[in-house]
Amino acid sequence: MIFIALLLLAAGDSPPPFYADKLNLLVVRNESGDEAPITSPVEWRTRREHLLANMQLVMGDMPDGAKRAPLDVRVEEEVETPAYSRKKISYAAESGDRVPAYLLIPSKIDGKAPAMLCLHQTIKIGKAEPAGLGENTNLDYAHELATRGYVCLAPDYPRFGDYDIDVYAMGYASATMKGIWNHMRGVDLLQGLPEVDADRIGCIGHSLGGHNTLFMSVFDERIKVAVTSCGFTRFAKYYDGDLTGWTHRGYMPRIDTVYGKDPARMPFDFPDILAAIAPRHLFINAPTGDSNFDVGGVRESVEAARKIFALHDADDQLVVEYPDSQHDFPPETRDRAYAFIDRALKHAP
C-alpha cells in the first residue's frame, strides 16, 4: 500500500535545495539554484518535495516498505465505559518492535466511523493521558473524541508510558522519525478496523504530540485533518534561537551535531511544515502566554503558510486560535477544534 508523499535521497544524489528565507514559500529552486515564483499547486508540489527531503536530512530517512511487518494487534485489557470500549493493545510497527496503545471504540456506531490518532504530550504516563486516565482533563482528547463518536488510537511515543526502547540501537537517526513511522503504522491499524472509514482519519496532539501531529501529517497524506496544540514556533523564536531543547535523544540530535543548533542553518522550519499540509484541514491552538513556543513565531509561520493555503483555494481550511492562557488546551478552544474536526471528517461533501 503506497500512501506516503515523500522524497528519499538515494546514495549519491545531490542534496535538496536550501531555502534561507523560510517565510518566503512562493519560490522554488531548480538544480542550478535559480529561484522561480510559484503560481500553482503543481509548482508548489516541487517545493514540498524539497521540504520532505530536507526534513529527512535532520530526522533521518523514512523507513522503506521492508519495515512494514504485519501489525499483529494484541489486546491486553478491555474496559467498557458508558460511551465506548477502551482496549489496551499493542501493535507491531516493525519486526521486533511493538507499540503500546489505547484503542477507544464508541459503543454506538452508525455505519463506518471517522477515526483520530491522538498523540500525547511530554508526560510519563504517555498514552494514558489522552485516553482520559490522567489528571489534566484539558488533555484527554481521545476520551472526548470517542464520546463524540470517533474511533481513537492513542499510542506511546518512545520512552513514555509502557514503551521503553532505544531508537538509535534500532538504526534510527532520531526519535522523531521513529515516532512518525510508528504513527503511520497506527493509521494502518485504524484503516484496517471494520468500524473505521479509511478515508476519514485525522490526528490531534498537544505539545510533544502537537509537533508530532504536524510531522506525521506532512509525511502521511491519509491524514485529512490535523489539530496541533502548543506544538511549535519558528526555530528563530524558540528560546531566542537556542535549539538545545530540540537536540536531545527524544528529538533530533543532528540539529546539534550537524547544524550546530543554529536556526539559520536548519534546512526546514515550521512555516513550510504548516504549508505542506495544504489543502487539507489544519487547526492550531497557540496560547498567547505559552512560554515554550513564542506566539510571535506562530503568527509569522501562519502568515507565511496562509499563502499556500490560498494558492490551493483552501483559505478556510487553516484556522488558528490564540487563547489567553499558558501552555494549555482550554475547553473553549478544544470545543472549536472538535467542531473543526467534525466539519472535516463528518460533514465533508
C-alpha atoms as a PDB file:
ATOM      1  CA  MET A   1       0.000   0.000   0.000  1.00  0.00           C
ATOM      2  CA  ILE A   2       1.555   3.268  -1.158  1.00  0.00           C
ATOM      3  CA  PHE A   3       0.357   6.218   0.885  1.00  0.00           C
ATOM      4  CA  ILE A   4       3.332   8.428   1.695  1.00  0.00           C
ATOM      5  CA  ALA A   5       4.208  11.594  -0.151  1.00  0.00           C
ATOM      6  CA  LEU A   6       7.938  11.746   0.295  1.00  0.00           C
ATOM      7  CA  LEU A   7      11.227  12.143  -1.492  1.00  0.00           C
ATOM      8  CA  LEU A   8      14.007   9.809  -0.418  1.00  0.00           C
ATOM      9  CA  LEU A   9      17.603  10.635  -1.250  1.00  0.00           C
ATOM     10  CA  ALA A  10      19.354   7.727  -2.901  1.00  0.00           C
ATOM     11  CA  ALA A  11      23.051   7.207  -2.349  1.00  0.00           C
ATOM     12  CA  GLY A  12      24.996   9.654  -4.487  1.00  0.00           C
ATOM     13  CA  ASP A  13      22.075  12.027  -5.095  1.00  0.00           C
ATOM     14  CA  SER A  14      22.699  15.718  -4.606  1.00  0.00           C
ATOM     15  CA  PRO A  15      21.114  17.271  -1.501  1.00  0.00           C
ATOM     16  CA  PRO A  16      17.821  19.109  -1.865  1.00  0.00           C
ATOM     17  CA  PRO A  17      17.883  22.890  -2.329  1.00  0.00           C
ATOM     18  CA  PHE A  18      18.400  25.034   0.773  1.00  0.00           C
ATOM     19  CA  TYR A  19      15.972  27.905   1.322  1.00  0.00           C
ATOM     20  CA  ALA A  20      17.446  30.616   3.535  1.00  0.00           C
ATOM     21  CA  ASP A  21      14.210  32.609   3.814  1.00  0.00           C
ATOM     22  CA  LYS A  22      11.763  30.146   5.375  1.00  0.00           C
ATOM     23  CA  LEU A  23       8.973  32.747   5.330  1.00  0.00           C
ATOM     24  CA  ASN A  24       9.031  33.134   1.545  1.00  0.00           C
ATOM     25  CA  LEU A  25       7.282  29.961   0.439  1.00  0.00           C
ATOM     26  CA  LEU A  26       6.203  31.124  -3.001  1.00  0.00           C
ATOM     27  CA  VAL A  27       9.539  30.404  -4.692  1.00  0.00           C
ATOM     28  CA  VAL A  28      11.146  27.165  -5.823  1.00  0.00           C
ATOM     29  CA  ARG A  29      14.775  26.457  -6.715  1.00  0.00           C
ATOM     30  CA  ASN A  30      15.907  24.473  -9.734  1.00  0.00           C
ATOM     31  CA  GLU A  31      19.024  22.294  -9.988  1.00  0.00           C
ATOM     32  CA  SER A  32      21.141  25.350 -10.794  1.00  0.00           C
ATOM     33  CA  GLY A  33      19.983  27.115  -7.652  1.00  0.00           C
ATOM     34  CA  ASP A  34      17.926  29.703  -9.517  1.00  0.00           C
ATOM     35  CA  GLU A  35      14.612  30.720  -7.969  1.00  0.00           C
ATOM     36  CA  ALA A  36      11.314  30.840  -9.816  1.00  0.00           C
ATOM     37  CA  PRO A  37       7.960  32.059  -8.499  1.00  0.00           C
ATOM     38  CA  ILE A  38       5.332  29.505  -7.505  1.00  0.00           C
ATOM     39  CA  THR A  39       1.988  30.293  -9.115  1.00  0.00           C
ATOM     40  CA  SER A  40       0.132  26.972  -8.935  1.00  0.00           C
ATOM     41  CA  PRO A  41      -0.339  23.945  -6.656  1.00  0.00           C
ATOM     42  CA  VAL A  42       1.617  21.860  -9.189  1.00  0.00           C
ATOM     43  CA  GLU A  43       4.652  24.137  -8.803  1.00  0.00           C
ATOM     44  CA  TRP A  44       4.255  24.075  -5.005  1.00  0.00           C
ATOM     45  CA  ARG A  45       4.462  20.295  -5.114  1.00  0.00           C
ATOM     46  CA  THR A  46       8.126  20.507  -6.120  1.00  0.00           C
ATOM     47  CA  ARG A  47       8.895  22.838  -3.207  1.00  0.00           C
ATOM     48  CA  ARG A  48       7.028  20.436  -0.927  1.00  0.00           C
ATOM     49  CA  GLU A  49       9.192  17.535  -2.115  1.00  0.00           C
ATOM     50  CA  HIS A  50      12.256  19.617  -1.240  1.00  0.00           C
ATOM     51  CA  LEU A  51      10.849  20.060   2.276  1.00  0.00           C
ATOM     52  CA  LEU A  52      10.343  16.309   2.739  1.00  0.00           C
ATOM     53  CA  ALA A  53      13.908  15.632   1.677  1.00  0.00           C
ATOM     54  CA  ASN A  54      15.246  18.402   3.923  1.00  0.00           C
ATOM     55  CA  MET A  55      13.315  17.052   6.911  1.00  0.00           C
ATOM     56  CA  GLN A  56      14.958  13.681   6.356  1.00  0.00           C
ATOM     57  CA  LEU A  57      18.405  15.291   6.387  1.00  0.00           C
ATOM     58  CA  VAL A  58      17.684  16.186  10.021  1.00  0.00           C
ATOM     59  CA  MET A  59      15.410  13.330  11.111  1.00  0.00           C
ATOM     60  CA  GLY A  60      16.975  10.517   9.125  1.00  0.00           C
ATOM     61  CA  ASP A  61      15.467   8.628   6.204  1.00  0.00           C
ATOM     62  CA  MET A  62      11.902   7.419   6.261  1.00  0.00           C
ATOM     63  CA  PRO A  63      11.956   3.609   6.573  1.00  0.00           C
ATOM     64  CA  ASP A  64      11.161   1.799   3.364  1.00  0.00           C
ATOM     65  CA  GLY A  65       8.422  -0.751   2.872  1.00  0.00           C
ATOM     66  CA  ALA A  66      10.622  -3.598   4.086  1.00  0.00           C
ATOM     67  CA  LYS A  67       9.940  -2.498   7.683  1.00  0.00           C
ATOM     68  CA  ARG A  68       6.176  -2.939   7.276  1.00  0.00           C
ATOM     69  CA  ALA A  69       5.714  -6.103   9.303  1.00  0.00           C
ATOM     70  CA  PRO A  70       2.183  -7.446   9.902  1.00  0.00           C
ATOM     71  CA  LEU A  71       0.525  -5.329  12.611  1.00  0.00           C
ATOM     72  CA  ASP A  72      -0.356  -8.390  14.746  1.00  0.00           C
ATOM     73  CA  VAL A  73      -2.645  -6.382  17.046  1.00  0.00           C
ATOM     74  CA  ARG A  74      -2.878  -7.866  20.552  1.00  0.00           C
ATOM     75  CA  VAL A  75      -5.493  -6.893  23.133  1.00  0.00           C
ATOM     76  CA  GLU A  76      -4.167  -6.934  26.706  1.00  0.00           C
ATOM     77  CA  GLU A  77      -7.136  -5.424  28.524  1.00  0.00           C
ATOM     78  CA  GLU A  78     -10.628  -4.210  27.725  1.00  0.00           C
ATOM     79  CA  VAL A  79     -12.816  -1.859  29.783  1.00  0.00           C
ATOM     80  CA  GLU A  80     -16.381  -0.856  28.942  1.00  0.00           C
ATOM     81  CA  THR A  81     -17.405   2.731  29.662  1.00  0.00           C
ATOM     82  CA  PRO A  82     -20.836   4.300  29.071  1.00  0.00           C
ATOM     83  CA  ALA A  83     -19.723   5.764  25.725  1.00  0.00           C
ATOM     84  CA  TYR A  84     -17.022   3.466  24.382  1.00  0.00           C
ATOM     85  CA  SER A  85     -14.878   0.381  24.806  1.00  0.00           C
ATOM     86  CA  ARG A  86     -11.279   1.142  25.856  1.00  0.00           C
ATOM     87  CA  LYS A  87      -8.794  -1.528  24.801  1.00  0.00           C
ATOM     88  CA  LYS A  88      -5.190  -1.612  25.928  1.00  0.00           C
ATOM     89  CA  ILE A  89      -3.376  -3.022  22.916  1.00  0.00           C
ATOM     90  CA  SER A  90      -0.014  -3.284  21.202  1.00  0.00           C
ATOM     91  CA  TYR A  91       0.834  -3.440  17.508  1.00  0.00           C
ATOM     92  CA  ALA A  92       3.973  -4.280  15.550  1.00  0.00           C
ATOM     93  CA  ALA A  93       5.447  -1.157  14.000  1.00  0.00           C
ATOM     94  CA  GLU A  94       8.237  -3.295  12.547  1.00  0.00           C
ATOM     95  CA  SER A  95       9.814  -6.671  13.196  1.00  0.00           C
ATOM     96  CA  GLY A  96      10.801  -6.978  16.873  1.00  0.00           C
ATOM     97  CA  ASP A  97       9.106  -3.758  17.982  1.00  0.00           C
ATOM     98  CA  ARG A  98       5.624  -3.445  19.450  1.00  0.00           C
ATOM     99  CA  VAL A  99       3.963  -0.095  20.188  1.00  0.00           C
ATOM    100  CA  PRO A 100       1.688   0.055  23.269  1.00  0.00           C
ATOM    101  CA  ALA A 101      -1.530   1.993  22.722  1.00  0.00           C
ATOM    102  CA  TYR A 102      -5.099   2.554  23.827  1.00  0.00           C
ATOM    103  CA  LEU A 103      -7.848   1.949  21.276  1.00  0.00           C
ATOM    104  CA  LEU A 104     -11.205   3.586  22.028  1.00  0.00           C
ATOM    105  CA  ILE A 105     -14.218   2.345  20.046  1.00  0.00           C
ATOM    106  CA  PRO A 106     -17.587   4.126  20.500  1.00  0.00           C
ATOM    107  CA  SER A 107     -20.438   1.928  21.692  1.00  0.00           C
ATOM    108  CA  LYS A 108     -22.859   3.222  19.066  1.00  0.00           C
ATOM    109  CA  ILE A 109     -21.563   3.461  15.510  1.00  0.00           C
ATOM    110  CA  ASP A 110     -23.886   4.031  12.548  1.00  0.00           C
ATOM    111  CA  GLY A 111     -22.048   2.588   9.553  1.00  0.00           C
ATOM    112  CA  LYS A 112     -18.314   3.277   9.466  1.00  0.00           C
ATOM    113  CA  ALA A 113     -16.987   5.949  11.815  1.00  0.00           C
ATOM    114  CA  PRO A 114     -14.249   8.557  11.356  1.00  0.00           C
ATOM    115  CA  ALA A 115     -11.085   7.999  13.384  1.00  0.00           C
ATOM    116  CA  MET A 116      -8.461  10.107  15.155  1.00  0.00           C
ATOM    117  CA  LEU A 117      -4.860   9.383  16.047  1.00  0.00           C
ATOM    118  CA  CYS A 118      -4.333  11.038  19.462  1.00  0.00           C
ATOM    119  CA  LEU A 119      -0.732  11.892  20.407  1.00  0.00           C
ATOM    120  CA  HIS A 120       0.286  12.660  23.995  1.00  0.00           C
ATOM    121  CA  GLN A 121       2.420  15.446  25.434  1.00  0.00           C
ATOM    122  CA  THR A 122       5.713  15.013  27.330  1.00  0.00           C
ATOM    123  CA  ILE A 123       4.370  13.116  30.324  1.00  0.00           C
ATOM    124  CA  LYS A 124       5.496   9.890  31.963  1.00  0.00           C
ATOM    125  CA  ILE A 125       2.130   8.135  31.597  1.00  0.00           C
ATOM    126  CA  GLY A 126       2.142   8.735  27.829  1.00  0.00           C
ATOM    127  CA  LYS A 127      -0.923   7.325  26.067  1.00  0.00           C
ATOM    128  CA  ALA A 128      -2.952   7.158  29.293  1.00  0.00           C
ATOM    129  CA  GLU A 129      -3.423  10.935  29.385  1.00  0.00           C
ATOM    130  CA  PRO A 130      -5.310  11.431  26.093  1.00  0.00           C
ATOM    131  CA  ALA A 131      -7.241   8.244  26.887  1.00  0.00           C
ATOM    132  CA  GLY A 132      -8.725  10.030  29.927  1.00  0.00           C
ATOM    133  CA  LEU A 133      -6.665   8.277  32.603  1.00  0.00           C
ATOM    134  CA  GLY A 134      -4.552  11.272  33.626  1.00  0.00           C
ATOM    135  CA  GLU A 135      -5.218  14.227  35.907  1.00  0.00           C
ATOM    136  CA  ASN A 136      -5.421  17.029  33.321  1.00  0.00           C
ATOM    137  CA  THR A 137      -8.883  16.851  31.760  1.00  0.00           C
ATOM    138  CA  ASN A 138      -7.884  19.505  29.204  1.00  0.00           C
ATOM    139  CA  LEU A 139      -5.706  16.867  27.528  1.00  0.00           C
ATOM    140  CA  ASP A 140      -7.990  13.830  27.487  1.00  0.00           C
ATOM    141  CA  TYR A 141      -8.951  14.463  23.864  1.00  0.00           C
ATOM    142  CA  ALA A 142      -9.078  10.755  22.885  1.00  0.00           C
ATOM    143  CA  HIS A 143     -11.694  10.236  25.606  1.00  0.00           C
ATOM    144  CA  GLU A 144     -13.664  13.299  24.487  1.00  0.00           C
ATOM    145  CA  LEU A 145     -13.499  12.440  20.791  1.00  0.00           C
ATOM    146  CA  ALA A 146     -14.541   8.831  21.412  1.00  0.00           C
ATOM    147  CA  THR A 147     -17.532  10.201  23.310  1.00  0.00           C
ATOM    148  CA  ARG A 148     -18.341  12.227  20.171  1.00  0.00           C
ATOM    149  CA  GLY A 149     -18.298   9.089  18.001  1.00  0.00           C
ATOM    150  CA  TYR A 150     -14.702   8.861  16.804  1.00  0.00           C
ATOM    151  CA  VAL A 151     -12.629   5.687  16.923  1.00  0.00           C
ATOM    152  CA  CYS A 152      -9.432   6.852  18.646  1.00  0.00           C
ATOM    153  CA  LEU A 153      -5.939   5.373  18.814  1.00  0.00           C
ATOM    154  CA  ALA A 154      -3.548   6.794  21.442  1.00  0.00           C
ATOM    155  CA  PRO A 155      -0.037   5.282  21.104  1.00  0.00           C
ATOM    156  CA  ASP A 156       3.015   5.760  23.321  1.00  0.00           C
ATOM    157  CA  TYR A 157       5.946   7.793  21.976  1.00  0.00           C
ATOM    158  CA  PRO A 158       9.369   6.166  22.520  1.00  0.00           C
ATOM    159  CA  ARG A 159      10.462   6.224  26.179  1.00  0.00           C
ATOM    160  CA  PHE A 160       6.998   7.144  27.503  1.00  0.00           C
ATOM    161  CA  GLY A 161       4.232   5.062  29.039  1.00  0.00           C
ATOM    162  CA  ASP A 162       4.987   1.384  28.543  1.00  0.00           C
ATOM    163  CA  TYR A 163       7.301   1.931  25.569  1.00  0.00           C
ATOM    164  CA  ASP A 164      10.938   1.769  26.700  1.00  0.00           C
ATOM    165  CA  ILE A 165      13.042   1.366  23.557  1.00  0.00           C
ATOM    166  CA  ASP A 166      16.349   2.714  22.203  1.00  0.00           C
ATOM    167  CA  VAL A 167      15.559   4.024  18.735  1.00  0.00           C
ATOM    168  CA  TYR A 168      19.248   4.601  17.978  1.00  0.00           C
ATOM    169  CA  ALA A 169      20.118   0.958  18.638  1.00  0.00           C
ATOM    170  CA  MET A 170      17.394   0.193  16.082  1.00  0.00           C
ATOM    171  CA  GLY A 171      19.182   2.255  13.427  1.00  0.00           C
ATOM    172  CA  TYR A 172      17.139   5.463  13.555  1.00  0.00           C
ATOM    173  CA  ALA A 173      18.786   8.879  13.386  1.00  0.00           C
ATOM    174  CA  SER A 174      16.104  10.455  15.584  1.00  0.00           C
ATOM    175  CA  ALA A 175      13.255   9.561  17.887  1.00  0.00           C
ATOM    176  CA  THR A 176      11.212  11.955  15.761  1.00  0.00           C
ATOM    177  CA  MET A 177      11.436   9.737  12.682  1.00  0.00           C
ATOM    178  CA  LYS A 178      10.707   6.621  14.722  1.00  0.00           C
ATOM    179  CA  GLY A 179       7.624   8.389  16.060  1.00  0.00           C
ATOM    180  CA  ILE A 180       6.499   9.310  12.544  1.00  0.00           C
ATOM    181  CA  TRP A 181       6.880   5.708  11.401  1.00  0.00           C
ATOM    182  CA  ASN A 182       5.005   4.331  14.428  1.00  0.00           C
ATOM    183  CA  HIS A 183       2.186   6.832  13.969  1.00  0.00           C
ATOM    184  CA  MET A 184       1.859   5.964  10.296  1.00  0.00           C
ATOM    185  CA  ARG A 185       1.579   2.294  11.254  1.00  0.00           C
ATOM    186  CA  GLY A 186      -1.133   3.427  13.661  1.00  0.00           C
ATOM    187  CA  VAL A 187      -3.031   4.814  10.676  1.00  0.00           C
ATOM    188  CA  ASP A 188      -2.573   1.423   9.007  1.00  0.00           C
ATOM    189  CA  LEU A 189      -4.202  -0.101  12.076  1.00  0.00           C
ATOM    190  CA  LEU A 190      -7.133   2.313  12.032  1.00  0.00           C
ATOM    191  CA  GLN A 191      -7.725   1.798   8.328  1.00  0.00           C
ATOM    192  CA  GLY A 192      -7.925  -1.939   8.878  1.00  0.00           C
ATOM    193  CA  LEU A 193     -10.630  -1.789  11.560  1.00  0.00           C
ATOM    194  CA  PRO A 194     -14.139  -2.765  10.417  1.00  0.00           C
ATOM    195  CA  GLU A 195     -15.594   0.142  12.434  1.00  0.00           C
ATOM    196  CA  VAL A 196     -13.495   2.799  10.614  1.00  0.00           C
ATOM    197  CA  ASP A 197     -13.997   4.696   7.373  1.00  0.00           C
ATOM    198  CA  ALA A 198     -10.459   4.508   5.950  1.00  0.00           C
ATOM    199  CA  ASP A 199     -10.865   7.837   4.123  1.00  0.00           C
ATOM    200  CA  ARG A 200     -11.833   9.845   7.229  1.00  0.00           C
ATOM    201  CA  ILE A 201      -8.841   9.869   9.570  1.00  0.00           C
ATOM    202  CA  GLY A 202      -7.259  12.788  11.426  1.00  0.00           C
ATOM    203  CA  CYS A 203      -4.590  13.477  14.028  1.00  0.00           C
ATOM    204  CA  ILE A 204      -4.532  15.594  17.202  1.00  0.00           C
ATOM    205  CA  GLY A 205      -1.849  16.298  19.791  1.00  0.00           C
ATOM    206  CA  HIS A 206      -0.611  18.725  22.440  1.00  0.00           C
ATOM    207  CA  SER A 207       2.996  19.929  22.908  1.00  0.00           C
ATOM    208  CA  LEU A 208       5.165  16.875  22.037  1.00  0.00           C
ATOM    209  CA  GLY A 209       2.055  15.465  20.398  1.00  0.00           C
ATOM    210  CA  GLY A 210       1.398  18.843  18.783  1.00  0.00           C
ATOM    211  CA  HIS A 211       4.548  18.895  16.687  1.00  0.00           C
ATOM    212  CA  ASN A 212       4.439  15.140  16.108  1.00  0.00           C
ATOM    213  CA  THR A 213       0.956  15.683  14.649  1.00  0.00           C
ATOM    214  CA  LEU A 214       2.457  18.148  12.179  1.00  0.00           C
ATOM    215  CA  PHE A 215       5.452  15.972  11.307  1.00  0.00           C
ATOM    216  CA  MET A 216       3.432  12.858  10.572  1.00  0.00           C
ATOM    217  CA  SER A 217       0.724  14.799   8.721  1.00  0.00           C
ATOM    218  CA  VAL A 218       3.361  16.130   6.337  1.00  0.00           C
ATOM    219  CA  PHE A 219       4.624  12.640   5.531  1.00  0.00           C
ATOM    220  CA  ASP A 220       1.282  10.845   5.540  1.00  0.00           C
ATOM    221  CA  GLU A 221      -1.409  12.398   3.387  1.00  0.00           C
ATOM    222  CA  ARG A 222      -4.043   9.973   4.632  1.00  0.00           C
ATOM    223  CA  ILE A 223      -4.423  12.462   7.493  1.00  0.00           C
ATOM    224  CA  LYS A 224      -7.338  14.638   6.399  1.00  0.00           C
ATOM    225  CA  VAL A 225      -7.375  16.969   9.423  1.00  0.00           C
ATOM    226  CA  ALA A 226      -4.574  17.903  11.818  1.00  0.00           C
ATOM    227  CA  VAL A 227      -5.041  19.647  15.177  1.00  0.00           C
ATOM    228  CA  THR A 228      -1.868  20.915  16.831  1.00  0.00           C
ATOM    229  CA  SER A 229      -1.970  22.429  20.322  1.00  0.00           C
ATOM    230  CA  CYS A 230       1.059  24.303  21.720  1.00  0.00           C
ATOM    231  CA  GLY A 231       3.203  22.456  19.215  1.00  0.00           C
ATOM    232  CA  PHE A 232       5.580  24.887  17.527  1.00  0.00           C
ATOM    233  CA  THR A 233       7.091  28.254  16.844  1.00  0.00           C
ATOM    234  CA  ARG A 234       9.680  29.341  14.302  1.00  0.00           C
ATOM    235  CA  PHE A 235      13.108  27.987  15.230  1.00  0.00           C
ATOM    236  CA  ALA A 236      14.479  31.527  15.418  1.00  0.00           C
ATOM    237  CA  LYS A 237      11.799  32.394  18.025  1.00  0.00           C
ATOM    238  CA  TYR A 238      12.268  29.222  20.106  1.00  0.00           C
ATOM    239  CA  TYR A 239      14.006  30.423  23.304  1.00  0.00           C
ATOM    240  CA  ASP A 240      15.633  33.254  21.332  1.00  0.00           C
ATOM    241  CA  GLY A 241      17.048  30.813  18.808  1.00  0.00           C
ATOM    242  CA  ASP A 242      18.583  28.369  21.288  1.00  0.00           C
ATOM    243  CA  LEU A 243      17.606  24.994  19.805  1.00  0.00           C
ATOM    244  CA  THR A 244      19.060  22.880  22.612  1.00  0.00           C
ATOM    245  CA  GLY A 245      15.602  21.629  23.550  1.00  0.00           C
ATOM    246  CA  TRP A 246      15.207  20.060  20.096  1.00  0.00           C
ATOM    247  CA  THR A 247      18.543  18.198  20.161  1.00  0.00           C
ATOM    248  CA  HIS A 248      18.277  15.573  22.906  1.00  0.00           C
ATOM    249  CA  ARG A 249      17.742  11.890  22.156  1.00  0.00           C
ATOM    250  CA  GLY A 250      13.975  12.242  22.361  1.00  0.00           C
ATOM    251  CA  TYR A 251      14.031  14.509  19.306  1.00  0.00           C
ATOM    252  CA  MET A 252      16.674  15.184  16.625  1.00  0.00           C
ATOM    253  CA  PRO A 253      20.349  15.061  17.696  1.00  0.00           C
ATOM    254  CA  ARG A 254      21.505  16.178  14.239  1.00  0.00           C
ATOM    255  CA  ILE A 255      20.170  19.659  14.996  1.00  0.00           C
ATOM    256  CA  ASP A 256      23.248  19.871  17.234  1.00  0.00           C
ATOM    257  CA  THR A 257      25.794  17.553  15.603  1.00  0.00           C
ATOM    258  CA  VAL A 258      25.200  18.653  12.003  1.00  0.00           C
ATOM    259  CA  TYR A 259      23.535  22.074  12.227  1.00  0.00           C
ATOM    260  CA  GLY A 260      25.168  23.486  15.348  1.00  0.00           C
ATOM    261  CA  LYS A 261      21.802  24.387  16.928  1.00  0.00           C
ATOM    262  CA  ASP A 262      21.696  27.347  14.538  1.00  0.00           C
ATOM    263  CA  PRO A 263      18.206  28.252  13.227  1.00  0.00           C
ATOM    264  CA  ALA A 264      19.768  29.883  10.146  1.00  0.00           C
ATOM    265  CA  ARG A 265      21.375  26.597   9.139  1.00  0.00           C
ATOM    266  CA  MET A 266      18.266  24.454   9.594  1.00  0.00           C
ATOM    267  CA  PRO A 267      17.017  23.071   6.270  1.00  0.00           C
ATOM    268  CA  PHE A 268      13.360  23.224   7.341  1.00  0.00           C
ATOM    269  CA  ASP A 269      11.175  25.234   9.684  1.00  0.00           C
ATOM    270  CA  PHE A 270       7.557  25.368  10.761  1.00  0.00           C
ATOM    271  CA  PRO A 271       6.199  27.793   8.133  1.00  0.00           C
ATOM    272  CA  ASP A 272       6.873  25.260   5.373  1.00  0.00           C
ATOM    273  CA  ILE A 273       5.680  22.385   7.578  1.00  0.00           C
ATOM    274  CA  LEU A 274       2.300  24.090   8.041  1.00  0.00           C
ATOM    275  CA  ALA A 275       2.135  24.880   4.342  1.00  0.00           C
ATOM    276  CA  ALA A 276       2.883  21.268   3.396  1.00  0.00           C
ATOM    277  CA  ILE A 277      -0.434  20.211   4.958  1.00  0.00           C
ATOM    278  CA  ALA A 278      -2.416  22.340   2.470  1.00  0.00           C
ATOM    279  CA  PRO A 279      -5.046  21.916   1.158  1.00  0.00           C
ATOM    280  CA  ARG A 280      -6.068  19.590   3.991  1.00  0.00           C
ATOM    281  CA  HIS A 281      -7.652  20.892   7.221  1.00  0.00           C
ATOM    282  CA  LEU A 282      -5.344  22.347   9.893  1.00  0.00           C
ATOM    283  CA  PHE A 283      -6.388  23.744  13.289  1.00  0.00           C
ATOM    284  CA  ILE A 284      -3.796  25.459  15.504  1.00  0.00           C
ATOM    285  CA  ASN A 285      -4.109  26.255  19.208  1.00  0.00           C
ATOM    286  CA  ALA A 286      -1.435  28.838  20.112  1.00  0.00           C
ATOM    287  CA  PRO A 287      -1.960  30.446  23.537  1.00  0.00           C
ATOM    288  CA  THR A 288      -0.574  33.942  23.911  1.00  0.00           C
ATOM    289  CA  GLY A 289       1.120  33.019  27.194  1.00  0.00           C
ATOM    290  CA  ASP A 290       2.850  29.836  26.014  1.00  0.00           C
ATOM    291  CA  SER A 291       6.396  30.067  27.424  1.00  0.00           C
ATOM    292  CA  ASN A 292       7.589  27.096  25.351  1.00  0.00           C
ATOM    293  CA  PHE A 293       6.511  28.270  21.922  1.00  0.00           C
ATOM    294  CA  ASP A 294       6.621  32.014  21.314  1.00  0.00           C
ATOM    295  CA  VAL A 295       3.311  33.142  19.847  1.00  0.00           C
ATOM    296  CA  GLY A 296       5.038  35.700  17.616  1.00  0.00           C
ATOM    297  CA  GLY A 297       6.816  32.891  15.791  1.00  0.00           C
ATOM    298  CA  VAL A 298       3.498  31.100  15.429  1.00  0.00           C
ATOM    299  CA  ARG A 299       1.876  34.153  13.875  1.00  0.00           C
ATOM    300  CA  GLU A 300       4.763  34.539  11.395  1.00  0.00           C
ATOM    301  CA  SER A 301       4.562  30.857  10.450  1.00  0.00           C
ATOM    302  CA  VAL A 302       0.803  31.048   9.924  1.00  0.00           C
ATOM    303  CA  GLU A 303       1.027  34.216   7.824  1.00  0.00           C
ATOM    304  CA  ALA A 304       3.534  32.529   5.503  1.00  0.00           C
ATOM    305  CA  ALA A 305       1.565  29.274   5.291  1.00  0.00           C
ATOM    306  CA  ARG A 306      -1.716  31.064   4.531  1.00  0.00           C
ATOM    307  CA  LYS A 307      -0.333  31.993   1.107  1.00  0.00           C
ATOM    308  CA  ILE A 308      -0.005  28.322   0.225  1.00  0.00           C
ATOM    309  CA  PHE A 309      -3.492  27.520   1.510  1.00  0.00           C
ATOM    310  CA  ALA A 310      -4.760  30.420  -0.623  1.00  0.00           C
ATOM    311  CA  LEU A 311      -2.849  29.014  -3.609  1.00  0.00           C
ATOM    312  CA  HIS A 312      -4.963  25.868  -3.186  1.00  0.00           C
ATOM    313  CA  ASP A 313      -8.196  27.882  -2.686  1.00  0.00           C
ATOM    314  CA  ALA A 314      -8.313  26.439   0.821  1.00  0.00           C
ATOM    315  CA  ASP A 315      -8.177  29.605   2.930  1.00  0.00           C
ATOM    316  CA  ASP A 316     -10.882  28.416   5.325  1.00  0.00           C
ATOM    317  CA  GLN A 317      -9.117  25.126   5.993  1.00  0.00           C
ATOM    318  CA  LEU A 318      -6.418  26.784   8.102  1.00  0.00           C
ATOM    319  CA  VAL A 319      -7.861  28.002  11.417  1.00  0.00           C
ATOM    320  CA  VAL A 320      -5.873  29.435  14.332  1.00  0.00           C
ATOM    321  CA  GLU A 321      -6.956  30.219  17.890  1.00  0.00           C
ATOM    322  CA  TYR A 322      -4.892  32.441  20.207  1.00  0.00           C
ATOM    323  CA  PRO A 323      -6.453  31.917  23.657  1.00  0.00           C
ATOM    324  CA  ASP A 324      -5.317  33.999  26.619  1.00  0.00           C
ATOM    325  CA  SER A 325      -3.729  31.110  28.511  1.00  0.00           C
ATOM    326  CA  GLN A 326      -0.442  29.367  29.218  1.00  0.00           C
ATOM    327  CA  HIS A 327       0.839  26.110  27.661  1.00  0.00           C
ATOM    328  CA  ASP A 328      -2.619  24.514  27.668  1.00  0.00           C
ATOM    329  CA  PHE A 329      -5.580  23.404  25.554  1.00  0.00           C
ATOM    330  CA  PRO A 330      -8.524  25.318  27.091  1.00  0.00           C
ATOM    331  CA  PRO A 331     -12.066  23.884  26.953  1.00  0.00           C
ATOM    332  CA  GLU A 332     -13.486  26.596  24.661  1.00  0.00           C
ATOM    333  CA  THR A 333     -10.656  26.185  22.170  1.00  0.00           C
ATOM    334  CA  ARG A 334     -10.951  22.417  22.358  1.00  0.00           C
ATOM    335  CA  ASP A 335     -14.673  22.632  21.602  1.00  0.00           C
ATOM    336  CA  ARG A 336     -13.959  24.689  18.488  1.00  0.00           C
ATOM    337  CA  ALA A 337     -11.229  22.249  17.474  1.00  0.00           C
ATOM    338  CA  TYR A 338     -13.701  19.375  17.742  1.00  0.00           C
ATOM    339  CA  ALA A 339     -16.248  21.288  15.655  1.00  0.00           C
ATOM    340  CA  PHE A 340     -13.490  21.839  13.078  1.00  0.00           C
ATOM    341  CA  ILE A 341     -12.740  18.091  13.065  1.00  0.00           C
ATOM    342  CA  ASP A 342     -16.457  17.401  12.629  1.00  0.00           C
ATOM    343  CA  ARG A 343     -16.531  19.706   9.626  1.00  0.00           C
ATOM    344  CA  ALA A 344     -13.561  17.933   8.061  1.00  0.00           C
ATOM    345  CA  LEU A 345     -14.484  14.326   8.820  1.00  0.00           C
ATOM    346  CA  LYS A 346     -18.222  14.181   9.478  1.00  0.00           C
ATOM    347  CA  HIS A 347     -19.701  16.882   7.296  1.00  0.00           C
ATOM    348  CA  ALA A 348     -17.308  16.941   4.369  1.00  0.00           C
ATOM    349  CA  PRO A 349     -19.072  16.929   0.962  1.00  0.00           C
END
